[in-house]
C-alpha atoms as a PDB file:
ATOM      1  CA  MET A   1       4.627 -13.238 -10.299  1.00  0.00           C
ATOM      2  CA  ARG A   2       6.038 -13.109  -6.894  1.00  0.00           C
ATOM      3  CA  PHE A   3       4.047 -11.081  -4.306  1.00  0.00           C
ATOM      4  CA  ILE A   4       6.150  -8.573  -2.519  1.00  0.00           C
ATOM      5  CA  ASP A   5       4.263  -6.497  -0.044  1.00  0.00           C
ATOM      6  CA  GLU A   6       7.382  -4.633   1.475  1.00  0.00           C
ATOM      7  CA  ALA A   7      10.591  -2.861  -0.030  1.00  0.00           C
ATOM      8  CA  VAL A   8      13.177  -0.144   1.258  1.00  0.00           C
ATOM      9  CA  ILE A   9      14.502   2.021  -1.433  1.00  0.00           C
ATOM     10  CA  GLU A  10      16.803   4.734  -1.591  1.00  0.00           C
ATOM     11  CA  VAL A  11      16.022   7.991  -3.528  1.00  0.00           C
ATOM     12  CA  ARG A  12      18.044  10.928  -4.443  1.00  0.00           C
ATOM     13  CA  SER A  13      16.688  13.972  -6.108  1.00  0.00           C
ATOM     14  CA  GLY A  14      18.704  15.761  -8.871  1.00  0.00           C
ATOM     15  CA  ARG A  15      21.282  18.698  -7.815  1.00  0.00           C
ATOM     16  CA  GLY A  16      20.556  22.000  -9.144  1.00  0.00           C
ATOM     17  CA  GLY A  17      22.643  23.533 -11.993  1.00  0.00           C
ATOM     18  CA  ASP A  18      25.206  26.008 -11.568  1.00  0.00           C
ATOM     19  CA  GLY A  19      24.798  29.655 -12.088  1.00  0.00           C
ATOM     20  CA  ARG A  20      27.093  30.932 -15.232  1.00  0.00           C
ATOM     21  CA  VAL A  21      29.642  33.557 -14.823  1.00  0.00           C
ATOM     22  CA  SER A  22      29.616  35.362 -18.067  1.00  0.00           C
ATOM     23  CA  PHE A  23      29.908  38.718 -19.384  1.00  0.00           C
ATOM     24  CA  ARG A  24      28.302  40.473 -22.907  1.00  0.00           C
ATOM     25  CA  ARG A  25      30.847  40.498 -25.545  1.00  0.00           C
ATOM     26  CA  GLU A  26      29.234  42.286 -28.584  1.00  0.00           C
ATOM     27  CA  LYS A  27      30.389  44.363 -31.133  1.00  0.00           C
ATOM     28  CA  PHE A  28      30.389  48.154 -30.056  1.00  0.00           C
ATOM     29  CA  VAL A  29      29.947  47.063 -26.517  1.00  0.00           C
ATOM     30  CA  PRO A  30      33.367  46.839 -25.285  1.00  0.00           C
ATOM     31  CA  LYS A  31      32.449  46.679 -21.609  1.00  0.00           C
ATOM     32  CA  GLY A  32      29.232  44.647 -21.549  1.00  0.00           C
ATOM     33  CA  GLY A  33      27.798  43.851 -18.252  1.00  0.00           C
ATOM     34  CA  PRO A  34      27.344  40.104 -16.652  1.00  0.00           C
ATOM     35  CA  ASP A  35      24.872  38.064 -18.568  1.00  0.00           C
ATOM     36  CA  GLY A  36      25.313  34.709 -16.928  1.00  0.00           C
ATOM     37  CA  GLY A  37      22.134  32.646 -16.591  1.00  0.00           C
ATOM     38  CA  ASP A  38      20.834  30.840 -13.676  1.00  0.00           C
ATOM     39  CA  GLY A  39      21.023  27.112 -13.419  1.00  0.00           C
ATOM     40  CA  GLY A  40      18.137  24.755 -14.236  1.00  0.00           C
ATOM     41  CA  ARG A  41      16.333  23.006 -10.860  1.00  0.00           C
ATOM     42  CA  GLY A  42      16.842  19.499 -10.027  1.00  0.00           C
ATOM     43  CA  GLY A  43      14.549  16.682 -10.792  1.00  0.00           C
ATOM     44  CA  ASP A  44      12.075  15.765  -7.995  1.00  0.00           C
ATOM     45  CA  VAL A  45      11.516  11.872  -7.183  1.00  0.00           C
ATOM     46  CA  ILE A  46       7.638  11.365  -7.154  1.00  0.00           C
ATOM     47  CA  LEU A  47       5.759   8.149  -6.405  1.00  0.00           C
ATOM     48  CA  HIS A  48       2.842   7.516  -8.485  1.00  0.00           C
ATOM     49  CA  ALA A  49       0.080   4.984  -7.472  1.00  0.00           C
ATOM     50  CA  HIS A  50      -0.448   2.704 -10.695  1.00  0.00           C
ATOM     51  CA  PRO A  51      -3.957   1.085 -10.990  1.00  0.00           C
ATOM     52  CA  HIS A  52      -2.463  -1.983 -12.801  1.00  0.00           C
ATOM     53  CA  LEU A  53       0.450  -3.043 -10.375  1.00  0.00           C
ATOM     54  CA  LYS A  54      -0.095  -5.436  -7.636  1.00  0.00           C
ATOM     55  CA  THR A  55       3.333  -5.922  -6.052  1.00  0.00           C
ATOM     56  CA  LEU A  56       6.379  -4.017  -4.854  1.00  0.00           C
ATOM     57  CA  LEU A  57       8.744  -6.730  -6.733  1.00  0.00           C
ATOM     58  CA  GLU A  58      10.263  -4.313  -9.024  1.00  0.00           C
ATOM     59  CA  TYR A  59      11.750  -2.718  -5.790  1.00  0.00           C
ATOM     60  CA  HIS A  60      13.005  -5.856  -4.411  1.00  0.00           C
ATOM     61  CA  PHE A  61      15.715  -6.146  -6.915  1.00  0.00           C
ATOM     62  CA  LYS A  62      16.688  -2.561  -7.746  1.00  0.00           C
ATOM     63  CA  ARG A  63      16.921  -0.339  -4.567  1.00  0.00           C
ATOM     64  CA  LYS A  64      18.574   3.111  -5.576  1.00  0.00           C
ATOM     65  CA  PHE A  65      17.086   5.557  -7.782  1.00  0.00           C
ATOM     66  CA  LYS A  66      18.281   9.028  -8.726  1.00  0.00           C
ATOM     67  CA  ALA A  67      16.837  12.013 -10.685  1.00  0.00           C
ATOM     68  CA  PRO A  68      18.525  13.713 -13.341  1.00  0.00           C
ATOM     69  CA  ASP A  69      20.542  17.130 -12.089  1.00  0.00           C
ATOM     70  CA  GLY A  70      19.709  20.615 -13.672  1.00  0.00           C
ATOM     71  CA  ASP A  71      21.917  22.143 -16.231  1.00  0.00           C
ATOM     72  CA  PRO A  72      24.278  25.177 -15.491  1.00  0.00           C
ATOM     73  CA  GLY A  73      23.086  28.276 -16.663  1.00  0.00           C
ATOM     74  CA  GLY A  74      24.188  29.633 -20.238  1.00  0.00           C
ATOM     75  CA  THR A  75      25.383  32.793 -21.628  1.00  0.00           C
ATOM     76  CA  SER A  76      23.056  35.757 -22.512  1.00  0.00           C
ATOM     77  CA  ASN A  77      21.130  35.503 -19.592  1.00  0.00           C
ATOM     78  CA  LYS A  78      19.890  31.979 -20.576  1.00  0.00           C
ATOM     79  CA  THR A  79      18.540  29.581 -17.883  1.00  0.00           C
ATOM     80  CA  GLY A  80      20.116  25.780 -17.717  1.00  0.00           C
ATOM     81  CA  ARG A  81      17.244  22.918 -18.421  1.00  0.00           C
ATOM     82  CA  SER A  82      15.549  21.591 -15.188  1.00  0.00           C
ATOM     83  CA  GLY A  83      16.318  18.123 -14.500  1.00  0.00           C
ATOM     84  CA  GLU A  84      13.186  15.873 -15.420  1.00  0.00           C
ATOM     85  CA  ALA A  85      11.119  14.213 -12.396  1.00  0.00           C
ATOM     86  CA  LEU A  86      11.862  10.649 -11.819  1.00  0.00           C
ATOM     87  CA  VAL A  87       8.384   8.886 -11.294  1.00  0.00           C
ATOM     88  CA  LEU A  88       8.344   5.616  -9.717  1.00  0.00           C
ATOM     89  CA  HIS A  89       5.125   3.557 -10.261  1.00  0.00           C
ATOM     90  CA  VAL A  90       3.958   1.692  -7.068  1.00  0.00           C
ATOM     91  CA  PRO A  91       0.401  -0.185  -6.422  1.00  0.00           C
ATOM     92  CA  VAL A  92      -2.618   1.760  -5.310  1.00  0.00           C
ATOM     93  CA  GLY A  93      -2.461   1.104  -1.413  1.00  0.00           C
ATOM     94  CA  THR A  94       1.104   1.973  -0.947  1.00  0.00           C
ATOM     95  CA  VAL A  95       2.020   3.505   2.406  1.00  0.00           C
ATOM     96  CA  VAL A  96       5.445   5.592   2.443  1.00  0.00           C
ATOM     97  CA  PHE A  97       7.452   5.594   5.825  1.00  0.00           C
ATOM     98  CA  PRO A  98      10.813   6.923   6.650  1.00  0.00           C
ATOM     99  CA  GLU A  99      13.304   3.916   7.032  1.00  0.00           C
ATOM    100  CA  THR A 100      13.829   5.135  10.673  1.00  0.00           C
ATOM    101  CA  GLY A 101      10.108   5.163  11.667  1.00  0.00           C
ATOM    102  CA  GLY A 102       7.550   7.188  12.587  1.00  0.00           C
ATOM    103  CA  GLU A 103       4.467   8.709  10.882  1.00  0.00           C
ATOM    104  CA  PRO A 104       4.048   7.937   7.305  1.00  0.00           C
ATOM    105  CA  LEU A 105       4.961  10.410   4.693  1.00  0.00           C
ATOM    106  CA  GLY A 106       1.864   9.610   2.530  1.00  0.00           C
ATOM    107  CA  ASP A 107      -0.692   7.074   1.780  1.00  0.00           C
ATOM    108  CA  LEU A 108      -1.390   6.286  -2.174  1.00  0.00           C
ATOM    109  CA  VAL A 109      -4.885   4.859  -1.880  1.00  0.00           C
ATOM    110  CA  ALA A 110      -6.130   6.540  -5.079  1.00  0.00           C
ATOM    111  CA  PRO A 111      -5.112   5.653  -8.610  1.00  0.00           C
ATOM    112  CA  GLY A 112      -2.908   8.364 -10.322  1.00  0.00           C
ATOM    113  CA  GLN A 113      -1.951   9.996  -6.712  1.00  0.00           C
ATOM    114  CA  GLN A 114       1.336  11.225  -6.454  1.00  0.00           C
ATOM    115  CA  LEU A 115       3.845  12.134  -3.633  1.00  0.00           C
ATOM    116  CA  VAL A 116       7.055  14.025  -3.730  1.00  0.00           C
ATOM    117  CA  VAL A 117       9.635  12.305  -1.873  1.00  0.00           C
ATOM    118  CA  ALA A 118      12.698  13.833  -2.596  1.00  0.00           C
ATOM    119  CA  VAL A 119      12.840  17.668  -3.752  1.00  0.00           C
ATOM    120  CA  GLY A 120      15.161  18.601  -6.383  1.00  0.00           C
ATOM    121  CA  GLY A 121      18.033  20.910  -5.468  1.00  0.00           C
ATOM    122  CA  LYS A 122      17.608  24.891  -5.987  1.00  0.00           C
ATOM    123  CA  PRO A 123      19.158  26.488  -8.940  1.00  0.00           C
ATOM    124  CA  GLY A 124      22.224  28.488  -8.762  1.00  0.00           C
ATOM    125  CA  ALA A 125      21.910  32.259  -9.656  1.00  0.00           C
ATOM    126  CA  GLY A 126      24.002  33.527 -12.397  1.00  0.00           C
ATOM    127  CA  ASN A 127      26.310  36.437 -11.868  1.00  0.00           C
ATOM    128  CA  GLN A 128      23.815  38.783 -13.512  1.00  0.00           C
ATOM    129  CA  HIS A 129      22.141  38.912 -10.373  1.00  0.00           C
ATOM    130  CA  PHE A 130      24.915  40.167  -8.395  1.00  0.00           C
ATOM    131  CA  ALA A 131      25.772  43.373 -10.036  1.00  0.00           C
ATOM    132  CA  LEU A 132      25.560  46.559  -7.910  1.00  0.00           C
ATOM    133  CA  PRO A 133      26.645  50.233  -8.590  1.00  0.00           C
ATOM    134  CA  TRP A 134      29.751  49.584  -6.960  1.00  0.00           C
ATOM    135  CA  ARG A 135      30.464  45.839  -8.066  1.00  0.00           C
ATOM    136  CA  GLN A 136      29.459  46.358 -11.846  1.00  0.00           C
ATOM    137  CA  THR A 137      31.215  43.155 -13.185  1.00  0.00           C
ATOM    138  CA  PRO A 138      30.882  40.256 -10.474  1.00  0.00           C
ATOM    139  CA  GLY A 139      33.145  37.377 -11.365  1.00  0.00           C
ATOM    140  CA  PHE A 140      31.176  34.932  -9.344  1.00  0.00           C
ATOM    141  CA  ALA A 141      27.792  33.124  -9.555  1.00  0.00           C
ATOM    142  CA  LYS A 142      26.024  30.932  -7.166  1.00  0.00           C
ATOM    143  CA  ALA A 143      26.414  26.883  -7.281  1.00  0.00           C
ATOM    144  CA  GLY A 144      23.238  25.031  -7.471  1.00  0.00           C
ATOM    145  CA  GLY A 145      21.751  23.596  -4.368  1.00  0.00           C
ATOM    146  CA  ASP A 146      22.279  19.814  -3.602  1.00  0.00           C
ATOM    147  CA  GLY A 147      19.355  17.030  -3.980  1.00  0.00           C
ATOM    148  CA  GLU A 148      17.707  15.279  -1.233  1.00  0.00           C
ATOM    149  CA  THR A 149      18.770  11.683  -0.302  1.00  0.00           C
ATOM    150  CA  ARG A 150      16.216   9.581   1.638  1.00  0.00           C
ATOM    151  CA  VAL A 151      15.727   6.043   2.648  1.00  0.00           C
ATOM    152  CA  LEU A 152      12.120   4.846   2.421  1.00  0.00           C
ATOM    153  CA  ARG A 153      10.164   2.144   3.484  1.00  0.00           C
ATOM    154  CA  LEU A 154       7.414   1.062   1.206  1.00  0.00           C
ATOM    155  CA  GLU A 155       4.469  -0.863   2.606  1.00  0.00           C
ATOM    156  CA  LEU A 156       1.538  -2.509   0.329  1.00  0.00           C
ATOM    157  CA  LYS A 157      -1.730  -2.720   2.040  1.00  0.00           C
ATOM    158  CA  LEU A 158      -4.384  -4.556   0.001  1.00  0.00           C
ATOM    159  CA  LEU A 159      -7.556  -2.601  -0.853  1.00  0.00           C
ATOM    160  CA  ALA A 160     -10.238  -4.902  -0.543  1.00  0.00           C
ATOM    161  CA  ASP A 161     -13.883  -4.592   0.568  1.00  0.00           C
ATOM    162  CA  ILE A 162     -14.076  -8.068   2.516  1.00  0.00           C
ATOM    163  CA  GLY A 163     -11.178  -9.806   4.332  1.00  0.00           C
ATOM    164  CA  LEU A 164     -11.582 -13.535   5.138  1.00  0.00           C
ATOM    165  CA  VAL A 165      -9.859 -14.362   8.215  1.00  0.00           C
ATOM    166  CA  GLY A 166      -9.304 -17.738  10.272  1.00  0.00           C
ATOM    167  CA  LEU A 167      -6.822 -20.202  11.470  1.00  0.00           C
ATOM    168  CA  PRO A 168      -4.658 -22.065   9.004  1.00  0.00           C
ATOM    169  CA  ASN A 169      -6.537 -24.673   6.888  1.00  0.00           C
ATOM    170  CA  ALA A 170     -10.067 -23.151   7.773  1.00  0.00           C
ATOM    171  CA  GLY A 171     -11.237 -23.255   4.101  1.00  0.00           C
ATOM    172  CA  LYS A 172     -10.587 -19.612   3.076  1.00  0.00           C
ATOM    173  CA  SER A 173      -8.857 -20.668  -0.065  1.00  0.00           C
ATOM    174  CA  THR A 174     -11.447 -22.888  -1.200  1.00  0.00           C
ATOM    175  CA  LEU A 175     -14.111 -20.219  -0.393  1.00  0.00           C
ATOM    176  CA  ILE A 176     -12.421 -17.387  -2.620  1.00  0.00           C
ATOM    177  CA  ASN A 177     -12.320 -20.088  -5.335  1.00  0.00           C
ATOM    178  CA  ARG A 178     -15.840 -20.889  -5.190  1.00  0.00           C
ATOM    179  CA  ILE A 179     -17.355 -17.175  -5.043  1.00  0.00           C
ATOM    180  CA  SER A 180     -14.838 -15.686  -7.516  1.00  0.00           C
ATOM    181  CA  ALA A 181     -12.408 -16.312 -10.225  1.00  0.00           C
ATOM    182  CA  ALA A 182      -9.501 -16.477  -8.232  1.00  0.00           C
ATOM    183  CA  LYS A 183      -6.990 -19.181  -8.370  1.00  0.00           C
ATOM    184  CA  ALA A 184      -5.592 -19.556  -4.741  1.00  0.00           C
ATOM    185  CA  LYS A 185      -3.639 -22.621  -3.837  1.00  0.00           C
ATOM    186  CA  VAL A 186      -5.638 -25.391  -1.808  1.00  0.00           C
ATOM    187  CA  ALA A 187      -4.192 -27.996   0.004  1.00  0.00           C
ATOM    188  CA  ASP A 188      -4.890 -30.204   3.013  1.00  0.00           C
ATOM    189  CA  TYR A 189      -2.162 -28.828   5.274  1.00  0.00           C
ATOM    190  CA  PRO A 190      -1.510 -25.479   7.340  1.00  0.00           C
ATOM    191  CA  PHE A 191      -0.226 -22.501   5.562  1.00  0.00           C
ATOM    192  CA  THR A 192      -1.270 -23.296   2.123  1.00  0.00           C
ATOM    193  CA  THR A 193      -1.761 -19.393   1.616  1.00  0.00           C
ATOM    194  CA  LEU A 194       1.401 -17.603   2.095  1.00  0.00           C
ATOM    195  CA  VAL A 195       0.473 -14.351   0.489  1.00  0.00           C
ATOM    196  CA  PRO A 196      -3.039 -12.629   0.194  1.00  0.00           C
ATOM    197  CA  ASN A 197      -5.416 -13.519  -2.849  1.00  0.00           C
ATOM    198  CA  LEU A 198      -7.988 -11.417  -4.152  1.00  0.00           C
ATOM    199  CA  GLY A 199     -11.076 -11.934  -5.924  1.00  0.00           C
ATOM    200  CA  VAL A 200     -13.690 -10.018  -7.482  1.00  0.00           C
ATOM    201  CA  VAL A 201     -17.343 -11.337  -6.583  1.00  0.00           C
ATOM    202  CA  ALA A 202     -19.938 -10.176  -9.042  1.00  0.00           C
ATOM    203  CA  ILE A 203     -23.602  -9.797  -7.634  1.00  0.00           C
ATOM    204  CA  GLY A 204     -25.931  -8.559 -10.214  1.00  0.00           C
ATOM    205  CA  ASP A 205     -24.832  -5.495 -11.668  1.00  0.00           C
ATOM    206  CA  ARG A 206     -22.288  -4.810  -8.819  1.00  0.00           C
ATOM    207  CA  SER A 207     -19.140  -6.280  -7.518  1.00  0.00           C
ATOM    208  CA  PHE A 208     -16.939  -6.124  -4.544  1.00  0.00           C
ATOM    209  CA  VAL A 209     -13.061  -7.432  -3.603  1.00  0.00           C
ATOM    210  CA  VAL A 210     -12.700 -10.327  -1.211  1.00  0.00           C
ATOM    211  CA  ALA A 211      -9.071 -10.801   0.160  1.00  0.00           C
ATOM    212  CA  ASP A 212      -8.162 -14.437   1.160  1.00  0.00           C
ATOM    213  CA  LEU A 213      -5.711 -13.497   4.094  1.00  0.00           C
ATOM    214  CA  PRO A 214      -2.845 -15.978   5.473  1.00  0.00           C
ATOM    215  CA  GLY A 215      -4.034 -17.998   8.378  1.00  0.00           C
ATOM    216  CA  LEU A 216      -3.255 -16.591  11.831  1.00  0.00           C
ATOM    217  CA  ILE A 217      -1.497 -18.194  14.592  1.00  0.00           C
ATOM    218  CA  GLU A 218      -1.304 -17.089  18.087  1.00  0.00           C
ATOM    219  CA  GLY A 219       1.045 -14.385  18.440  1.00  0.00           C
ATOM    220  CA  ALA A 220       0.307 -12.910  15.104  1.00  0.00           C
ATOM    221  CA  ALA A 221      -0.097  -9.372  16.561  1.00  0.00           C
ATOM    222  CA  GLU A 222       3.483  -9.772  17.858  1.00  0.00           C
ATOM    223  CA  GLY A 223       4.937 -10.748  14.362  1.00  0.00           C
ATOM    224  CA  VAL A 224       4.751 -14.381  15.213  1.00  0.00           C
ATOM    225  CA  GLY A 225       4.297 -16.497  12.046  1.00  0.00           C
ATOM    226  CA  LEU A 226       2.996 -14.492   9.217  1.00  0.00           C
ATOM    227  CA  GLY A 227       1.896 -11.972  11.935  1.00  0.00           C
ATOM    228  CA  HIS A 228       2.111  -8.359  10.838  1.00  0.00           C
ATOM    229  CA  GLN A 229       2.128  -9.332   7.115  1.00  0.00           C
ATOM    230  CA  PHE A 230      -1.381 -10.755   7.525  1.00  0.00           C
ATOM    231  CA  LEU A 231      -2.798  -7.983   9.959  1.00  0.00           C
ATOM    232  CA  ARG A 232      -1.496  -5.196   7.736  1.00  0.00           C
ATOM    233  CA  HIS A 233      -3.937  -6.094   4.842  1.00  0.00           C
ATOM    234  CA  CYS A 234      -6.922  -6.317   7.315  1.00  0.00           C
ATOM    235  CA  GLU A 235      -6.367  -2.482   8.004  1.00  0.00           C
ATOM    236  CA  ARG A 236      -8.100  -1.433   4.508  1.00  0.00           C
ATOM    237  CA  THR A 237     -10.983  -3.904   4.597  1.00  0.00           C
ATOM    238  CA  ARG A 238     -14.532  -2.632   5.254  1.00  0.00           C
ATOM    239  CA  ALA A 239     -15.497  -5.717   7.014  1.00  0.00           C
ATOM    240  CA  LEU A 240     -14.292  -9.215   8.183  1.00  0.00           C
ATOM    241  CA  VAL A 241     -15.679 -12.476   7.614  1.00  0.00           C
ATOM    242  CA  HIS A 242     -14.730 -15.027  10.162  1.00  0.00           C
ATOM    243  CA  LEU A 243     -14.388 -18.468   8.810  1.00  0.00           C
ATOM    244  CA  VAL A 244     -14.132 -21.331  11.323  1.00  0.00           C
ATOM    245  CA  ASP A 245     -13.906 -25.127  10.613  1.00  0.00           C
ATOM    246  CA  ALA A 246     -16.816 -26.459  12.148  1.00  0.00           C
ATOM    247  CA  ALA A 247     -16.123 -30.167  11.276  1.00  0.00           C
ATOM    248  CA  THR A 248     -12.610 -30.823  12.456  1.00  0.00           C
ATOM    249  CA  ALA A 249     -11.995 -28.111  15.114  1.00  0.00           C
ATOM    250  CA  ASP A 250     -11.940 -29.514  18.625  1.00  0.00           C
ATOM    251  CA  ASP A 251     -13.106 -26.260  20.211  1.00  0.00           C
ATOM    252  CA  PRO A 252     -14.437 -24.015  17.519  1.00  0.00           C
ATOM    253  CA  ILE A 253     -15.292 -21.106  20.094  1.00  0.00           C
ATOM    254  CA  ALA A 254     -11.802 -21.159  21.228  1.00  0.00           C
ATOM    255  CA  GLU A 255     -10.415 -21.017  17.482  1.00  0.00           C
ATOM    256  CA  LEU A 256     -12.621 -17.898  17.020  1.00  0.00           C
ATOM    257  CA  ASP A 257     -11.487 -16.484  20.314  1.00  0.00           C
ATOM    258  CA  ARG A 258      -7.706 -16.871  19.188  1.00  0.00           C
ATOM    259  CA  VAL A 259      -8.457 -14.982  16.027  1.00  0.00           C
ATOM    260  CA  ARG A 260     -10.348 -12.308  17.650  1.00  0.00           C
ATOM    261  CA  ASN A 261      -7.760 -11.804  20.271  1.00  0.00           C
ATOM    262  CA  GLU A 262      -5.237 -11.263  17.715  1.00  0.00           C
ATOM    263  CA  LEU A 263      -7.252  -8.496  16.209  1.00  0.00           C
ATOM    264  CA  VAL A 264      -7.854  -6.720  19.533  1.00  0.00           C
ATOM    265  CA  LYS A 265      -4.126  -6.792  20.409  1.00  0.00           C
ATOM    266  CA  TYR A 266      -2.997  -5.666  17.106  1.00  0.00           C
ATOM    267  CA  GLY A 267      -5.442  -2.743  17.273  1.00  0.00           C
ATOM    268  CA  ARG A 268      -5.648   0.054  14.886  1.00  0.00           C
ATOM    269  CA  GLY A 269      -9.408  -0.261  14.567  1.00  0.00           C
ATOM    270  CA  LEU A 270      -9.486  -3.862  13.590  1.00  0.00           C
ATOM    271  CA  GLU A 271     -11.363  -4.942  16.619  1.00  0.00           C
ATOM    272  CA  ARG A 272     -14.267  -2.755  15.639  1.00  0.00           C
ATOM    273  CA  ARG A 273     -14.445  -3.758  12.114  1.00  0.00           C
ATOM    274  CA  PRO A 274     -18.022  -5.026  11.223  1.00  0.00           C
ATOM    275  CA  TRP A 275     -17.529  -8.931  10.871  1.00  0.00           C
ATOM    276  CA  MET A 276     -19.800 -12.040  10.720  1.00  0.00           C
ATOM    277  CA  LEU A 277     -19.224 -15.491  11.841  1.00  0.00           C
ATOM    278  CA  VAL A 278     -19.328 -18.263   9.211  1.00  0.00           C
ATOM    279  CA  ALA A 279     -19.120 -22.169  10.172  1.00  0.00           C
ATOM    280  CA  GLY A 280     -17.430 -23.812   7.151  1.00  0.00           C
ATOM    281  CA  LYS A 281     -16.966 -27.444   5.885  1.00  0.00           C
ATOM    282  CA  THR A 282     -20.461 -28.216   7.054  1.00  0.00           C
ATOM    283  CA  ASP A 283     -20.942 -30.977   4.490  1.00  0.00           C
ATOM    284  CA  LEU A 284     -18.738 -33.087   6.638  1.00  0.00           C
ATOM    285  CA  PRO A 285     -20.236 -35.620   9.135  1.00  0.00           C
ATOM    286  CA  ASP A 286     -18.786 -34.132  12.296  1.00  0.00           C
ATOM    287  CA  ALA A 287     -19.850 -30.846  11.267  1.00  0.00           C
ATOM    288  CA  SER A 288     -23.216 -30.467  13.260  1.00  0.00           C
ATOM    289  CA  ALA A 289     -22.249 -29.971  16.949  1.00  0.00           C
ATOM    290  CA  GLY A 290     -19.719 -27.270  16.006  1.00  0.00           C
ATOM    291  CA  THR A 291     -22.284 -25.549  13.884  1.00  0.00           C
ATOM    292  CA  GLU A 292     -24.752 -25.385  16.743  1.00  0.00           C
ATOM    293  CA  ALA A 293     -22.163 -23.996  18.725  1.00  0.00           C
ATOM    294  CA  LEU A 294     -21.101 -21.401  16.538  1.00  0.00           C
ATOM    295  CA  GLN A 295     -24.623 -20.415  15.773  1.00  0.00           C
ATOM    296  CA  ALA A 296     -25.129 -19.876  19.406  1.00  0.00           C
ATOM    297  CA  GLU A 297     -22.171 -17.843  19.957  1.00  0.00           C
ATOM    298  CA  ALA A 298     -22.468 -15.484  16.978  1.00  0.00           C
ATOM    299  CA  GLN A 299     -26.273 -15.150  18.524  1.00  0.00           C
ATOM    300  CA  ARG A 300     -24.527 -14.144  21.923  1.00  0.00           C
ATOM    301  CA  ARG A 301     -22.109 -11.595  20.348  1.00  0.00           C
ATOM    302  CA  GLY A 302     -25.109 -10.066  18.264  1.00  0.00           C
ATOM    303  CA  VAL A 303     -23.116 -10.877  14.809  1.00  0.00           C
ATOM    304  CA  PRO A 304     -24.703 -12.288  11.686  1.00  0.00           C
ATOM    305  CA  PHE A 305     -23.975 -16.201  11.164  1.00  0.00           C
ATOM    306  CA  LEU A 306     -24.162 -18.338   8.377  1.00  0.00           C
ATOM    307  CA  ALA A 307     -23.379 -22.071   7.830  1.00  0.00           C
ATOM    308  CA  ILE A 308     -21.879 -23.278   4.500  1.00  0.00           C
ATOM    309  CA  SER A 309     -19.935 -25.826   2.549  1.00  0.00           C
ATOM    310  CA  SER A 310     -17.684 -24.674  -0.442  1.00  0.00           C
ATOM    311  CA  PHE A 311     -17.813 -28.166  -1.452  1.00  0.00           C
ATOM    312  CA  THR A 312     -21.383 -28.621  -1.991  1.00  0.00           C
ATOM    313  CA  GLY A 313     -22.231 -25.049  -2.422  1.00  0.00           C
ATOM    314  CA  GLN A 314     -24.609 -25.023   0.491  1.00  0.00           C
ATOM    315  CA  GLY A 315     -25.172 -21.293   1.940  1.00  0.00           C
ATOM    316  CA  ILE A 316     -22.763 -19.847  -0.538  1.00  0.00           C
ATOM    317  CA  ARG A 317     -25.457 -17.628  -2.522  1.00  0.00           C
ATOM    318  CA  GLU A 318     -26.475 -16.477   1.204  1.00  0.00           C
ATOM    319  CA  LEU A 319     -23.218 -15.715   2.185  1.00  0.00           C
ATOM    320  CA  VAL A 320     -22.415 -13.531  -1.013  1.00  0.00           C
ATOM    321  CA  VAL A 321     -25.438 -11.592  -0.446  1.00  0.00           C
ATOM    322  CA  ALA A 322     -24.376 -11.014   3.118  1.00  0.00           C
ATOM    323  CA  MET A 323     -20.924  -9.824   1.983  1.00  0.00           C
ATOM    324  CA  ALA A 324     -22.400  -7.733  -0.679  1.00  0.00           C
ATOM    325  CA  GLY A 325     -24.514  -5.947   2.162  1.00  0.00           C
ATOM    326  CA  MET A 326     -21.148  -5.574   4.466  1.00  0.00           C
ATOM    327  CA  ALA A 327     -18.990  -4.516   1.483  1.00  0.00           C
ATOM    328  CA  LEU A 328     -21.677  -1.751   0.006  1.00  0.00           C
ATOM    329  CA  ALA A 329     -23.434  -0.781   3.096  1.00  0.00           C
ATOM    330  CA  ASP A 330     -22.752   2.602   5.289  1.00  0.00           C
ATOM    331  CA  PRO A 331     -20.055   1.962   8.049  1.00  0.00           C
ATOM    332  CA  ASP A 332     -21.945   3.966  10.550  1.00  0.00           C
ATOM    333  CA  GLU A 333     -24.916   1.266  10.330  1.00  0.00           C
ATOM    334  CA  TRP A 334     -22.444  -1.086  12.165  1.00  0.00           C
ATOM    335  CA  GLY A 335     -21.509  -1.041  15.721  1.00  0.00           C
ATOM    336  CA  ALA A 336     -18.501  -2.708  17.526  1.00  0.00           C
ATOM    337  CA  ARG A 337     -19.396  -6.020  18.479  1.00  0.00           C
END
């Protein structure tokens, strides 16, 4: 399945049914009064957060959606049938924006949550409502109201407890494969991960969700490379794990700073998110100097530090325990570092 985390759709609610012009025609009632019924209400368009959806792929191929119109009113004061609501299912974590930008219309963060994005047209009134002492046989009714048409931009922000961040080829995919049942693609070249991968990590009788997020490059906060697509998925994580290659990085501290700087420039609270520093690939021969430098830097910044090898398993158990502590802890216990 392709992972699609953005979509633009056009939605149109149903038009309200017209009111009816009608008069009573009964035996022994030669001059019956007006009995035209009201029209039905147009159908709404509703977005529904579905817990089993993981992508906006459906809206990549079909982009226009219309709810049913309301039926016109009938005789004998009968109201027309209202149009059924059109319910569009989206993944949990979908944020809805007007296409023109501005504040979001809604943020669907809970399974089953709904958002009305286009209200159905008002029903037209039948001629029964327009009878007056000086106008006892009104020959007109009110037309139904038009539905709303809106163009929406949908953004999916993954819901994960822990986000793995780092430069391309830092070892994030290998790590998430090691600690969960995720099957992230792994290869010895940058940008193996082009879309986020989610893994559920179990510890005792509890579990938490880890996101392996695409690697950053300089300028990501301005949209360079995977840019905003990467950083957007960091926004919902409770904590971040900065993974730095301790073996092959020329300057591991500079690599850490590059990632931290992009988080600061992007803003939206990412720079204040709780985090820990992890030195990876420590099984390789040239990792000792980088590991020592990263440990000293973590101590200087006052953040937790671990050295791991996803290949040998060194430090993995300790890392899972530390991640669980961050994922399940009270965020107020963490300060900005």
